Amino acid sequence: MKAAPNAKREPLLDPVDRISEVLFGLIMAVTFIGAISVATAGRQDIRTAIASALGCNLAWGLVDAVMYVVRTVTERTRNRTLASRVATVEPEVARQLIVDALPDDVASVIGSEEIEGMRRRLVARRHEDRPLLRPRDFAEALGVFLWVVAATFPVAVPFLLTDDVALAMKISQGTTLAMLFIAGLVLGRHAGHPKPVLTGIFAAAFGAVLIAAVKALGG
C-alpha cells in the first residue's frame, strides 16, 4: 500500500533514541575529560586522554548501533510470534494474549470490543513475509553510531584549540553542562513534562556531580 502524497515521513530515529545517545556520549566523554589533572598533565597526556575519549566513544557508538539492530529484530520476532499465536488459539485466550502485550496504561482503558477487533484483524492478516531487517533499520543503526560519536567532539575541541589546560578544561566542562541541559530540556518536552526546564537542570546537575566525583577520585 502506497503512502499518501502528503503523508508525513517519520524521523529516522525516535526523539528518545536521539537524545539518549547524546546523553550517553556526553557522559562517556566527561568521565575521560574530568580525569585530566590540570596540575600534572602535560600536552602529551592531554592528547592521550582526548584520543582515549574519542576511541571509547567510537566503541560505545558501535555497541549501541549493534544493540539497536538486536532490539529491532527481537521486537519484530516477538510481534510475529504473538500474531501467530493469536491466529491459532481460542478467541478468549487470544484476547488475553493481546491484553498482556499492551502497555498497562492502554490495557486499563481499552474495551473488549477494541480487543476483539484487534484479534479479528490479526487473524485475517496475511502471514508477514517481510525480512526482519530492512534498509531503514541499518540507516537508523548508523544514525545511532554517528549521534554517539558526534556528542564527543564539542567536549574535546577546546583541548585541540589551546595549550592552556585549565582554560580548555573550563570550556569543555561548561560545554558539557550546556549540552546536558539542552538534551534534558528536549527530552522533558518530548515526554510532556509540565516544566521541561527542570529535566534540563537535572541532567546538567547530574553532569556536574559526575565531574566532581571524577575529580575527587583523582582527576
N, C-alpha and C. Protein backbone atom coordinates (compact mmCIF):
# COMPACT_ATOMS: atom_id res chain seq x y z
N MET A 1 0.85 -1.19 0.00
CA MET A 1 0.00 0.00 0.00
C MET A 1 0.88 1.24 0.00
N LYS A 2 0.65 2.15 -0.98
CA LYS A 2 1.47 3.34 -1.11
C LYS A 2 1.04 4.41 -0.13
N ALA A 3 2.02 5.16 0.34
CA ALA A 3 1.73 6.23 1.28
C ALA A 3 1.06 7.37 0.54
N ALA A 4 0.22 8.11 1.25
CA ALA A 4 -0.43 9.26 0.65
C ALA A 4 0.60 10.30 0.29
N PRO A 5 0.34 11.09 -0.81
CA PRO A 5 1.34 12.05 -1.27
C PRO A 5 1.78 13.03 -0.19
N ASN A 6 0.82 13.44 0.67
CA ASN A 6 1.15 14.42 1.71
C ASN A 6 1.45 13.79 3.06
N ALA A 7 1.62 12.46 3.08
CA ALA A 7 1.87 11.79 4.35
C ALA A 7 3.21 12.25 4.94
N LYS A 8 3.20 12.47 6.22
CA LYS A 8 4.41 12.92 6.90
C LYS A 8 5.32 11.74 7.16
N ARG A 9 6.57 11.86 6.72
CA ARG A 9 7.53 10.79 6.90
C ARG A 9 8.06 10.81 8.33
N GLU A 10 8.12 9.65 8.94
CA GLU A 10 8.60 9.55 10.31
C GLU A 10 10.10 9.87 10.36
N PRO A 11 10.57 10.48 11.45
CA PRO A 11 12.00 10.76 11.57
C PRO A 11 12.79 9.46 11.60
N LEU A 12 14.04 9.56 11.17
CA LEU A 12 14.86 8.36 11.08
C LEU A 12 15.04 7.69 12.43
N LEU A 13 15.16 8.49 13.48
CA LEU A 13 15.30 7.95 14.83
C LEU A 13 14.25 8.58 15.73
N ASP A 14 13.76 7.80 16.66
CA ASP A 14 12.83 8.30 17.66
C ASP A 14 13.53 9.38 18.49
N PRO A 15 12.82 10.47 18.87
CA PRO A 15 13.46 11.53 19.66
C PRO A 15 14.13 11.02 20.93
N VAL A 16 13.51 10.05 21.59
CA VAL A 16 14.11 9.49 22.81
C VAL A 16 15.43 8.82 22.48
N ASP A 17 15.48 8.10 21.36
CA ASP A 17 16.73 7.46 20.95
C ASP A 17 17.80 8.50 20.68
N ARG A 18 17.44 9.58 19.96
CA ARG A 18 18.42 10.60 19.62
C ARG A 18 18.99 11.27 20.87
N ILE A 19 18.11 11.69 21.77
CA ILE A 19 18.57 12.39 22.97
C ILE A 19 19.34 11.44 23.89
N SER A 20 18.87 10.21 24.01
CA SER A 20 19.55 9.24 24.86
C SER A 20 20.98 9.00 24.39
N GLU A 21 21.16 8.89 23.07
CA GLU A 21 22.50 8.65 22.55
C GLU A 21 23.41 9.85 22.83
N VAL A 22 22.87 11.07 22.72
CA VAL A 22 23.66 12.26 23.04
C VAL A 22 24.08 12.24 24.51
N LEU A 23 23.14 11.91 25.39
CA LEU A 23 23.44 11.85 26.82
C LEU A 23 24.52 10.81 27.11
N PHE A 24 24.39 9.62 26.51
CA PHE A 24 25.37 8.57 26.74
C PHE A 24 26.76 9.01 26.27
N GLY A 25 26.80 9.63 25.07
CA GLY A 25 28.08 10.08 24.55
C GLY A 25 28.72 11.14 25.42
N LEU A 26 27.92 12.09 25.89
CA LEU A 26 28.45 13.15 26.75
C LEU A 26 28.97 12.59 28.07
N ILE A 27 28.20 11.70 28.67
CA ILE A 27 28.62 11.13 29.95
C ILE A 27 29.90 10.33 29.79
N MET A 28 30.00 9.59 28.69
CA MET A 28 31.22 8.82 28.44
C MET A 28 32.42 9.75 28.26
N ALA A 29 32.22 10.84 27.52
CA ALA A 29 33.33 11.77 27.27
C ALA A 29 33.75 12.50 28.55
N VAL A 30 32.77 12.92 29.33
CA VAL A 30 33.09 13.72 30.51
C VAL A 30 33.87 12.92 31.55
N THR A 31 33.69 11.62 31.58
CA THR A 31 34.45 10.80 32.52
C THR A 31 35.93 10.80 32.16
N PHE A 32 36.24 10.85 30.85
CA PHE A 32 37.64 10.91 30.43
C PHE A 32 38.21 12.31 30.62
N ILE A 33 37.45 13.32 30.19
CA ILE A 33 37.93 14.69 30.30
C ILE A 33 38.11 15.08 31.77
N GLY A 34 37.16 14.66 32.61
CA GLY A 34 37.24 15.01 34.02
C GLY A 34 38.40 14.36 34.74
N ALA A 35 38.94 13.30 34.16
CA ALA A 35 40.07 12.60 34.80
C ALA A 35 41.41 13.29 34.55
N ILE A 36 41.41 14.32 33.69
CA ILE A 36 42.66 15.03 33.41
C ILE A 36 43.02 15.94 34.60
N SER A 37 44.20 15.82 35.07
CA SER A 37 44.67 16.65 36.17
C SER A 37 45.33 17.91 35.61
N VAL A 38 44.76 19.07 35.93
CA VAL A 38 45.30 20.33 35.45
C VAL A 38 46.71 20.56 35.96
N ALA A 39 46.96 20.14 37.17
CA ALA A 39 48.25 20.43 37.80
C ALA A 39 49.39 19.61 37.21
N THR A 40 49.11 18.39 36.80
CA THR A 40 50.19 17.50 36.40
C THR A 40 50.18 17.09 34.95
N ALA A 41 49.09 17.35 34.24
CA ALA A 41 49.00 16.85 32.87
C ALA A 41 49.90 17.63 31.93
N GLY A 42 50.66 16.91 31.12
CA GLY A 42 51.42 17.53 30.05
C GLY A 42 50.62 17.48 28.77
N ARG A 43 51.17 18.13 27.73
CA ARG A 43 50.43 18.19 26.46
C ARG A 43 50.19 16.78 25.90
N GLN A 44 51.19 15.91 26.05
CA GLN A 44 51.03 14.55 25.54
C GLN A 44 49.95 13.81 26.32
N ASP A 45 49.88 14.06 27.64
CA ASP A 45 48.84 13.44 28.45
C ASP A 45 47.45 13.88 27.98
N ILE A 46 47.31 15.17 27.64
CA ILE A 46 46.04 15.69 27.18
C ILE A 46 45.63 14.99 25.88
N ARG A 47 46.56 14.92 24.95
CA ARG A 47 46.25 14.29 23.67
C ARG A 47 45.89 12.82 23.85
N THR A 48 46.57 12.16 24.77
CA THR A 48 46.27 10.75 25.03
C THR A 48 44.86 10.61 25.60
N ALA A 49 44.51 11.51 26.53
CA ALA A 49 43.18 11.45 27.13
C ALA A 49 42.09 11.72 26.10
N ILE A 50 42.32 12.71 25.22
CA ILE A 50 41.34 13.03 24.19
C ILE A 50 41.20 11.86 23.22
N ALA A 51 42.34 11.28 22.82
CA ALA A 51 42.29 10.14 21.91
C ALA A 51 41.55 8.97 22.55
N SER A 52 41.77 8.78 23.85
CA SER A 52 41.07 7.71 24.56
C SER A 52 39.57 7.96 24.60
N ALA A 53 39.19 9.22 24.84
CA ALA A 53 37.77 9.56 24.89
C ALA A 53 37.11 9.32 23.54
N LEU A 54 37.78 9.76 22.47
CA LEU A 54 37.23 9.57 21.14
C LEU A 54 37.15 8.08 20.78
N GLY A 55 38.22 7.34 21.11
CA GLY A 55 38.21 5.91 20.81
C GLY A 55 37.15 5.17 21.59
N CYS A 56 36.97 5.55 22.85
CA CYS A 56 35.96 4.91 23.67
C CYS A 56 34.56 5.18 23.12
N ASN A 57 34.32 6.43 22.67
CA ASN A 57 33.01 6.74 22.13
C ASN A 57 32.76 6.07 20.78
N LEU A 58 33.82 5.86 20.00
CA LEU A 58 33.67 5.08 18.77
C LEU A 58 33.21 3.66 19.10
N ALA A 59 33.86 3.06 20.11
CA ALA A 59 33.47 1.71 20.53
C ALA A 59 32.07 1.70 21.11
N TRP A 60 31.75 2.71 21.94
CA TRP A 60 30.43 2.80 22.55
C TRP A 60 29.35 2.96 21.47
N GLY A 61 29.64 3.82 20.48
CA GLY A 61 28.70 4.02 19.39
C GLY A 61 28.46 2.75 18.60
N LEU A 62 29.53 1.97 18.37
CA LEU A 62 29.39 0.72 17.63
C LEU A 62 28.54 -0.28 18.41
N VAL A 63 28.78 -0.36 19.72
CA VAL A 63 27.99 -1.27 20.57
C VAL A 63 26.53 -0.86 20.55
N ASP A 64 26.26 0.44 20.68
CA ASP A 64 24.88 0.93 20.67
C ASP A 64 24.20 0.63 19.35
N ALA A 65 24.93 0.79 18.25
CA ALA A 65 24.36 0.52 16.93
C ALA A 65 23.99 -0.96 16.78
N VAL A 66 24.89 -1.83 17.22
CA VAL A 66 24.61 -3.27 17.15
C VAL A 66 23.43 -3.64 18.04
N MET A 67 23.37 -3.06 19.24
CA MET A 67 22.26 -3.35 20.15
C MET A 67 20.94 -2.81 19.60
N TYR A 68 20.99 -1.72 18.85
CA TYR A 68 19.78 -1.19 18.22
C TYR A 68 19.23 -2.22 17.22
N VAL A 69 20.13 -2.82 16.44
CA VAL A 69 19.71 -3.84 15.48
C VAL A 69 19.15 -5.06 16.21
N VAL A 70 19.84 -5.47 17.28
CA VAL A 70 19.38 -6.63 18.05
C VAL A 70 17.99 -6.36 18.65
N ARG A 71 17.80 -5.16 19.18
CA ARG A 71 16.50 -4.81 19.77
C ARG A 71 15.40 -4.83 18.71
N THR A 72 15.70 -4.32 17.52
CA THR A 72 14.71 -4.30 16.44
C THR A 72 14.30 -5.71 16.04
N VAL A 73 15.30 -6.59 15.87
CA VAL A 73 14.99 -7.98 15.50
C VAL A 73 14.18 -8.66 16.60
N THR A 74 14.55 -8.42 17.85
CA THR A 74 13.85 -9.05 18.97
C THR A 74 12.39 -8.61 19.02
N GLU A 75 12.14 -7.31 18.88
CA GLU A 75 10.77 -6.79 18.96
C GLU A 75 9.91 -7.32 17.81
N ARG A 76 10.47 -7.35 16.62
CA ARG A 76 9.69 -7.82 15.48
C ARG A 76 9.43 -9.33 15.56
N THR A 77 10.40 -10.08 16.04
CA THR A 77 10.19 -11.51 16.22
C THR A 77 9.11 -11.76 17.25
N ARG A 78 9.14 -11.00 18.34
CA ARG A 78 8.12 -11.13 19.39
C ARG A 78 6.74 -10.80 18.85
N ASN A 79 6.64 -9.74 18.03
CA ASN A 79 5.34 -9.35 17.48
C ASN A 79 4.81 -10.40 16.51
N ARG A 80 5.68 -10.97 15.71
CA ARG A 80 5.24 -12.00 14.77
C ARG A 80 4.79 -13.26 15.50
N THR A 81 5.52 -13.59 16.56
CA THR A 81 5.14 -14.76 17.34
C THR A 81 3.78 -14.55 17.99
N LEU A 82 3.56 -13.34 18.51
CA LEU A 82 2.27 -13.02 19.12
C LEU A 82 1.15 -13.12 18.09
N ALA A 83 1.37 -12.57 16.90
CA ALA A 83 0.34 -12.62 15.85
C ALA A 83 0.02 -14.06 15.46
N SER A 84 1.04 -14.90 15.38
CA SER A 84 0.82 -16.31 15.02
C SER A 84 0.03 -17.04 16.10
N ARG A 85 0.33 -16.76 17.36
CA ARG A 85 -0.40 -17.41 18.45
C ARG A 85 -1.85 -16.97 18.50
N VAL A 86 -2.07 -15.66 18.31
CA VAL A 86 -3.43 -15.14 18.33
C VAL A 86 -4.28 -15.80 17.25
N ALA A 87 -3.66 -16.08 16.11
CA ALA A 87 -4.40 -16.66 14.99
C ALA A 87 -4.69 -18.15 15.17
N THR A 88 -4.07 -18.79 16.13
CA THR A 88 -4.21 -20.25 16.24
C THR A 88 -4.89 -20.72 17.54
N VAL A 89 -5.03 -19.85 18.52
CA VAL A 89 -5.62 -20.28 19.80
C VAL A 89 -7.08 -19.86 19.86
N GLU A 90 -7.76 -20.29 20.93
CA GLU A 90 -9.17 -19.94 21.13
C GLU A 90 -9.32 -18.43 21.31
N PRO A 91 -10.46 -17.86 20.85
CA PRO A 91 -10.66 -16.40 20.93
C PRO A 91 -10.42 -15.81 22.32
N GLU A 92 -10.89 -16.49 23.36
CA GLU A 92 -10.72 -15.96 24.71
C GLU A 92 -9.25 -15.89 25.09
N VAL A 93 -8.50 -16.93 24.74
CA VAL A 93 -7.06 -16.94 25.02
C VAL A 93 -6.36 -15.87 24.20
N ALA A 94 -6.77 -15.72 22.94
CA ALA A 94 -6.16 -14.73 22.07
C ALA A 94 -6.36 -13.32 22.60
N ARG A 95 -7.57 -13.03 23.09
CA ARG A 95 -7.84 -11.70 23.64
C ARG A 95 -6.96 -11.42 24.85
N GLN A 96 -6.74 -12.43 25.68
CA GLN A 96 -5.89 -12.25 26.85
C GLN A 96 -4.43 -12.02 26.44
N LEU A 97 -3.99 -12.71 25.38
CA LEU A 97 -2.64 -12.50 24.88
C LEU A 97 -2.44 -11.06 24.41
N ILE A 98 -3.46 -10.53 23.76
CA ILE A 98 -3.38 -9.14 23.27
C ILE A 98 -3.31 -8.18 24.45
N VAL A 99 -4.16 -8.39 25.44
CA VAL A 99 -4.17 -7.52 26.62
C VAL A 99 -2.81 -7.55 27.32
N ASP A 100 -2.24 -8.75 27.46
CA ASP A 100 -0.95 -8.88 28.13
C ASP A 100 0.17 -8.17 27.38
N ALA A 101 0.01 -8.05 26.05
CA ALA A 101 1.06 -7.43 25.24
C ALA A 101 0.96 -5.91 25.23
N LEU A 102 -0.19 -5.38 25.64
CA LEU A 102 -0.38 -3.92 25.62
C LEU A 102 0.26 -3.28 26.86
N PRO A 103 0.68 -2.02 26.73
CA PRO A 103 1.15 -1.28 27.92
C PRO A 103 0.02 -1.20 28.95
N ASP A 104 0.38 -1.19 30.22
CA ASP A 104 -0.62 -1.19 31.28
C ASP A 104 -1.60 -0.03 31.16
N ASP A 105 -1.09 1.17 30.84
CA ASP A 105 -1.96 2.34 30.74
C ASP A 105 -2.98 2.19 29.62
N VAL A 106 -2.58 1.54 28.52
CA VAL A 106 -3.50 1.33 27.40
C VAL A 106 -4.48 0.21 27.72
N ALA A 107 -3.97 -0.88 28.28
CA ALA A 107 -4.84 -2.02 28.60
C ALA A 107 -5.92 -1.65 29.60
N SER A 108 -5.64 -0.68 30.47
CA SER A 108 -6.61 -0.33 31.50
C SER A 108 -7.79 0.49 30.97
N VAL A 109 -7.66 1.06 29.79
CA VAL A 109 -8.74 1.90 29.25
C VAL A 109 -9.38 1.34 27.99
N ILE A 110 -8.78 0.34 27.39
CA ILE A 110 -9.31 -0.22 26.16
C ILE A 110 -10.43 -1.20 26.47
N GLY A 111 -11.46 -1.23 25.65
CA GLY A 111 -12.62 -2.08 25.89
C GLY A 111 -12.54 -3.42 25.19
N SER A 112 -13.47 -4.30 25.53
CA SER A 112 -13.50 -5.64 24.96
C SER A 112 -13.75 -5.62 23.46
N GLU A 113 -14.53 -4.63 22.99
CA GLU A 113 -14.81 -4.55 21.56
C GLU A 113 -13.55 -4.22 20.77
N GLU A 114 -12.74 -3.30 21.30
CA GLU A 114 -11.49 -2.95 20.62
C GLU A 114 -10.54 -4.14 20.60
N ILE A 115 -10.48 -4.86 21.71
CA ILE A 115 -9.59 -6.03 21.77
C ILE A 115 -10.05 -7.10 20.78
N GLU A 116 -11.36 -7.32 20.69
CA GLU A 116 -11.87 -8.30 19.75
C GLU A 116 -11.59 -7.86 18.31
N GLY A 117 -11.69 -6.54 18.06
CA GLY A 117 -11.36 -6.04 16.73
C GLY A 117 -9.91 -6.29 16.37
N MET A 118 -9.01 -6.11 17.37
CA MET A 118 -7.60 -6.40 17.14
C MET A 118 -7.42 -7.88 16.82
N ARG A 119 -8.10 -8.73 17.57
CA ARG A 119 -7.96 -10.17 17.34
C ARG A 119 -8.39 -10.55 15.94
N ARG A 120 -9.51 -10.02 15.50
CA ARG A 120 -10.02 -10.36 14.17
C ARG A 120 -9.08 -9.87 13.07
N ARG A 121 -8.54 -8.69 13.25
CA ARG A 121 -7.62 -8.16 12.23
C ARG A 121 -6.34 -8.98 12.18
N LEU A 122 -5.87 -9.43 13.35
CA LEU A 122 -4.67 -10.27 13.36
C LEU A 122 -4.93 -11.62 12.70
N VAL A 123 -6.10 -12.18 12.95
CA VAL A 123 -6.45 -13.46 12.34
C VAL A 123 -6.58 -13.32 10.83
N ALA A 124 -7.17 -12.19 10.38
CA ALA A 124 -7.41 -12.00 8.95
C ALA A 124 -6.16 -11.57 8.19
N ARG A 125 -5.18 -11.06 8.92
CA ARG A 125 -3.99 -10.55 8.25
C ARG A 125 -3.16 -11.68 7.67
N ARG A 126 -2.63 -11.44 6.51
CA ARG A 126 -1.78 -12.44 5.86
C ARG A 126 -0.47 -12.59 6.64
N HIS A 127 0.13 -13.75 6.50
CA HIS A 127 1.39 -14.02 7.20
C HIS A 127 2.46 -13.01 6.77
N GLU A 128 3.13 -12.46 7.74
CA GLU A 128 4.17 -11.47 7.48
C GLU A 128 5.40 -12.16 6.90
N ASP A 129 5.72 -11.82 5.64
CA ASP A 129 6.87 -12.45 5.00
C ASP A 129 7.99 -11.46 4.69
N ARG A 130 7.86 -10.24 5.20
CA ARG A 130 8.93 -9.27 5.00
C ARG A 130 10.13 -9.65 5.86
N PRO A 131 11.35 -9.31 5.43
CA PRO A 131 12.53 -9.62 6.25
C PRO A 131 12.48 -8.87 7.58
N LEU A 132 13.10 -9.46 8.58
CA LEU A 132 13.10 -8.82 9.90
C LEU A 132 13.86 -7.50 9.88
N LEU A 133 14.90 -7.42 9.09
CA LEU A 133 15.69 -6.20 8.99
C LEU A 133 15.56 -5.62 7.59
N ARG A 134 15.38 -4.29 7.54
CA ARG A 134 15.19 -3.58 6.29
C ARG A 134 16.24 -2.49 6.17
N PRO A 135 16.44 -1.94 4.97
CA PRO A 135 17.47 -0.90 4.79
C PRO A 135 17.36 0.25 5.77
N ARG A 136 16.13 0.66 6.10
CA ARG A 136 15.94 1.77 7.04
C ARG A 136 16.52 1.44 8.41
N ASP A 137 16.43 0.17 8.81
CA ASP A 137 16.94 -0.23 10.12
C ASP A 137 18.46 -0.03 10.20
N PHE A 138 19.16 -0.36 9.11
CA PHE A 138 20.61 -0.17 9.10
C PHE A 138 20.96 1.31 9.05
N ALA A 139 20.12 2.11 8.38
CA ALA A 139 20.34 3.56 8.38
C ALA A 139 20.16 4.12 9.78
N GLU A 140 19.19 3.63 10.51
CA GLU A 140 18.96 4.08 11.88
C GLU A 140 20.11 3.65 12.79
N ALA A 141 20.62 2.44 12.59
CA ALA A 141 21.76 1.99 13.39
C ALA A 141 22.98 2.88 13.13
N LEU A 142 23.18 3.25 11.87
CA LEU A 142 24.28 4.17 11.55
C LEU A 142 24.04 5.52 12.21
N GLY A 143 22.78 5.96 12.24
CA GLY A 143 22.45 7.21 12.91
C GLY A 143 22.78 7.18 14.39
N VAL A 144 22.49 6.05 15.04
CA VAL A 144 22.83 5.89 16.45
C VAL A 144 24.34 6.04 16.66
N PHE A 145 25.10 5.37 15.80
CA PHE A 145 26.56 5.43 15.90
C PHE A 145 27.06 6.87 15.75
N LEU A 146 26.55 7.57 14.75
CA LEU A 146 27.01 8.93 14.49
C LEU A 146 26.62 9.90 15.60
N TRP A 147 25.42 9.71 16.18
CA TRP A 147 24.99 10.59 17.28
C TRP A 147 25.91 10.45 18.48
N VAL A 148 26.26 9.21 18.81
CA VAL A 148 27.13 8.98 19.97
C VAL A 148 28.50 9.61 19.75
N VAL A 149 29.06 9.39 18.56
CA VAL A 149 30.40 9.92 18.28
C VAL A 149 30.37 11.44 18.21
N ALA A 150 29.34 12.00 17.56
CA ALA A 150 29.27 13.45 17.40
C ALA A 150 29.18 14.18 18.74
N ALA A 151 28.58 13.53 19.73
CA ALA A 151 28.43 14.17 21.04
C ALA A 151 29.78 14.36 21.73
N THR A 152 30.79 13.64 21.30
CA THR A 152 32.11 13.74 21.93
C THR A 152 32.87 14.99 21.49
N PHE A 153 32.75 15.37 20.24
CA PHE A 153 33.64 16.38 19.67
C PHE A 153 33.53 17.76 20.32
N PRO A 154 32.32 18.28 20.62
CA PRO A 154 32.28 19.60 21.28
C PRO A 154 33.01 19.62 22.61
N VAL A 155 33.05 18.47 23.29
CA VAL A 155 33.74 18.39 24.58
C VAL A 155 35.24 18.36 24.40
N ALA A 156 35.71 17.78 23.30
CA ALA A 156 37.15 17.63 23.08
C ALA A 156 37.78 18.81 22.36
N VAL A 157 36.98 19.56 21.60
CA VAL A 157 37.52 20.65 20.77
C VAL A 157 38.36 21.66 21.56
N PRO A 158 37.95 22.13 22.75
CA PRO A 158 38.77 23.13 23.47
C PRO A 158 40.21 22.69 23.68
N PHE A 159 40.44 21.41 23.90
CA PHE A 159 41.81 20.91 24.13
C PHE A 159 42.63 20.89 22.85
N LEU A 160 41.93 20.93 21.71
CA LEU A 160 42.64 20.94 20.43
C LEU A 160 42.96 22.36 19.96
N LEU A 161 42.33 23.36 20.59
CA LEU A 161 42.48 24.74 20.14
C LEU A 161 43.40 25.58 21.02
N THR A 162 43.66 25.11 22.23
CA THR A 162 44.51 25.91 23.13
C THR A 162 45.44 25.02 23.93
N ASP A 163 46.61 25.59 24.28
CA ASP A 163 47.57 24.86 25.13
C ASP A 163 47.32 25.12 26.61
N ASP A 164 46.41 26.03 26.92
CA ASP A 164 46.08 26.34 28.31
C ASP A 164 45.12 25.27 28.82
N VAL A 165 45.66 24.29 29.55
CA VAL A 165 44.86 23.15 30.00
C VAL A 165 43.72 23.59 30.91
N ALA A 166 44.00 24.51 31.83
CA ALA A 166 42.97 24.96 32.77
C ALA A 166 41.81 25.62 32.04
N LEU A 167 42.13 26.48 31.05
CA LEU A 167 41.09 27.15 30.28
C LEU A 167 40.30 26.15 29.45
N ALA A 168 41.02 25.23 28.81
CA ALA A 168 40.35 24.22 27.99
C ALA A 168 39.43 23.36 28.85
N MET A 169 39.88 23.05 30.07
CA MET A 169 39.07 22.25 30.98
C MET A 169 37.77 22.96 31.32
N LYS A 170 37.87 24.26 31.62
CA LYS A 170 36.67 25.02 31.98
C LYS A 170 35.70 25.11 30.81
N ILE A 171 36.23 25.38 29.62
CA ILE A 171 35.36 25.47 28.44
C ILE A 171 34.71 24.13 28.15
N SER A 172 35.49 23.06 28.26
CA SER A 172 34.97 21.72 27.99
C SER A 172 33.87 21.34 28.97
N GLN A 173 34.10 21.61 30.24
CA GLN A 173 33.10 21.28 31.25
C GLN A 173 31.84 22.13 31.08
N GLY A 174 32.04 23.43 30.76
CA GLY A 174 30.88 24.29 30.52
C GLY A 174 30.08 23.84 29.32
N THR A 175 30.79 23.43 28.26
CA THR A 175 30.11 22.92 27.06
C THR A 175 29.32 21.66 27.38
N THR A 176 29.92 20.78 28.17
CA THR A 176 29.25 19.54 28.55
C THR A 176 27.97 19.82 29.32
N LEU A 177 28.06 20.70 30.30
CA LEU A 177 26.88 21.01 31.12
C LEU A 177 25.79 21.67 30.29
N ALA A 178 26.19 22.56 29.36
CA ALA A 178 25.20 23.21 28.50
C ALA A 178 24.50 22.20 27.60
N MET A 179 25.27 21.26 27.04
CA MET A 179 24.68 20.24 26.16
C MET A 179 23.78 19.30 26.95
N LEU A 180 24.19 18.96 28.18
CA LEU A 180 23.35 18.12 29.02
C LEU A 180 22.03 18.82 29.35
N PHE A 181 22.11 20.12 29.63
CA PHE A 181 20.89 20.88 29.92
C PHE A 181 19.95 20.87 28.72
N ILE A 182 20.49 21.14 27.52
CA ILE A 182 19.66 21.16 26.32
C ILE A 182 19.05 19.79 26.05
N ALA A 183 19.86 18.74 26.21
CA ALA A 183 19.36 17.38 25.97
C ALA A 183 18.25 17.05 26.96
N GLY A 184 18.43 17.40 28.23
CA GLY A 184 17.40 17.15 29.23
C GLY A 184 16.14 17.96 28.96
N LEU A 185 16.31 19.19 28.50
CA LEU A 185 15.17 20.06 28.17
C LEU A 185 14.35 19.46 27.03
N VAL A 186 15.03 19.04 25.98
CA VAL A 186 14.33 18.45 24.83
C VAL A 186 13.63 17.16 25.23
N LEU A 187 14.30 16.35 26.05
CA LEU A 187 13.70 15.09 26.49
C LEU A 187 12.46 15.36 27.35
N GLY A 188 12.54 16.37 28.20
CA GLY A 188 11.39 16.73 29.03
C GLY A 188 10.22 17.21 28.20
N ARG A 189 10.49 18.01 27.17
CA ARG A 189 9.42 18.48 26.29
C ARG A 189 8.78 17.32 25.54
N HIS A 190 9.60 16.40 25.06
CA HIS A 190 9.06 15.25 24.33
C HIS A 190 8.18 14.40 25.24
N ALA A 191 8.57 14.28 26.51
CA ALA A 191 7.80 13.47 27.45
C ALA A 191 6.54 14.18 27.93
N GLY A 192 6.41 15.48 27.60
CA GLY A 192 5.25 16.23 28.05
C GLY A 192 5.35 16.70 29.48
N HIS A 193 6.57 16.81 29.99
CA HIS A 193 6.77 17.28 31.36
C HIS A 193 6.26 18.71 31.49
N PRO A 194 5.50 19.02 32.54
CA PRO A 194 4.96 20.38 32.67
C PRO A 194 6.03 21.45 32.81
N LYS A 195 7.20 21.08 33.32
CA LYS A 195 8.30 22.02 33.46
C LYS A 195 9.58 21.37 32.90
N PRO A 196 9.72 21.35 31.57
CA PRO A 196 10.88 20.69 30.97
C PRO A 196 12.22 21.30 31.38
N VAL A 197 12.18 22.58 31.81
CA VAL A 197 13.42 23.19 32.27
C VAL A 197 14.00 22.41 33.44
N LEU A 198 13.14 21.85 34.26
CA LEU A 198 13.61 21.08 35.42
C LEU A 198 14.36 19.83 34.98
N THR A 199 13.89 19.18 33.92
CA THR A 199 14.60 17.99 33.44
C THR A 199 15.97 18.39 32.87
N GLY A 200 16.02 19.58 32.25
CA GLY A 200 17.31 20.08 31.77
C GLY A 200 18.26 20.37 32.92
N ILE A 201 17.73 21.01 33.96
CA ILE A 201 18.55 21.31 35.14
C ILE A 201 19.04 20.02 35.80
N PHE A 202 18.15 19.03 35.87
CA PHE A 202 18.54 17.76 36.48
C PHE A 202 19.67 17.10 35.69
N ALA A 203 19.57 17.12 34.35
CA ALA A 203 20.61 16.50 33.52
C ALA A 203 21.93 17.22 33.71
N ALA A 204 21.89 18.57 33.74
CA ALA A 204 23.12 19.34 33.94
C ALA A 204 23.69 19.11 35.33
N ALA A 205 22.82 19.02 36.33
CA ALA A 205 23.27 18.78 37.70
C ALA A 205 23.93 17.41 37.81
N PHE A 206 23.35 16.43 37.13
CA PHE A 206 23.96 15.09 37.13
C PHE A 206 25.36 15.14 36.54
N GLY A 207 25.53 15.90 35.44
CA GLY A 207 26.86 16.05 34.85
C GLY A 207 27.83 16.73 35.79
N ALA A 208 27.35 17.75 36.50
CA ALA A 208 28.22 18.45 37.45
C ALA A 208 28.66 17.53 38.57
N VAL A 209 27.74 16.72 39.07
CA VAL A 209 28.08 15.77 40.13
C VAL A 209 29.09 14.75 39.62
N LEU A 210 28.89 14.31 38.38
CA LEU A 210 29.81 13.33 37.81
C LEU A 210 31.22 13.92 37.65
N ILE A 211 31.30 15.16 37.17
CA ILE A 211 32.60 15.81 37.04
C ILE A 211 33.28 15.95 38.40
N ALA A 212 32.51 16.36 39.41
CA ALA A 212 33.06 16.50 40.76
C ALA A 212 33.53 15.17 41.31
N ALA A 213 32.76 14.11 41.05
CA ALA A 213 33.13 12.78 41.56
C ALA A 213 34.43 12.30 40.90
N VAL A 214 34.55 12.53 39.58
CA VAL A 214 35.76 12.10 38.89
C VAL A 214 36.97 12.84 39.44
N LYS A 215 36.82 14.15 39.69
CA LYS A 215 37.94 14.92 40.24
C LYS A 215 38.32 14.44 41.64
N ALA A 216 37.29 14.14 42.44
CA ALA A 216 37.54 13.68 43.81
C ALA A 216 38.26 12.33 43.83
N LEU A 217 38.07 11.55 42.77
CA LEU A 217 38.69 10.22 42.70
C LEU A 217 40.07 10.27 42.05
N GLY A 218 40.55 11.48 41.82
CA GLY A 218 41.93 11.56 41.33
C GLY A 218 42.12 12.38 40.09
N GLY A 219 41.01 13.02 39.59
CA GLY A 219 41.13 13.84 38.38
C GLY A 219 41.88 15.13 38.65
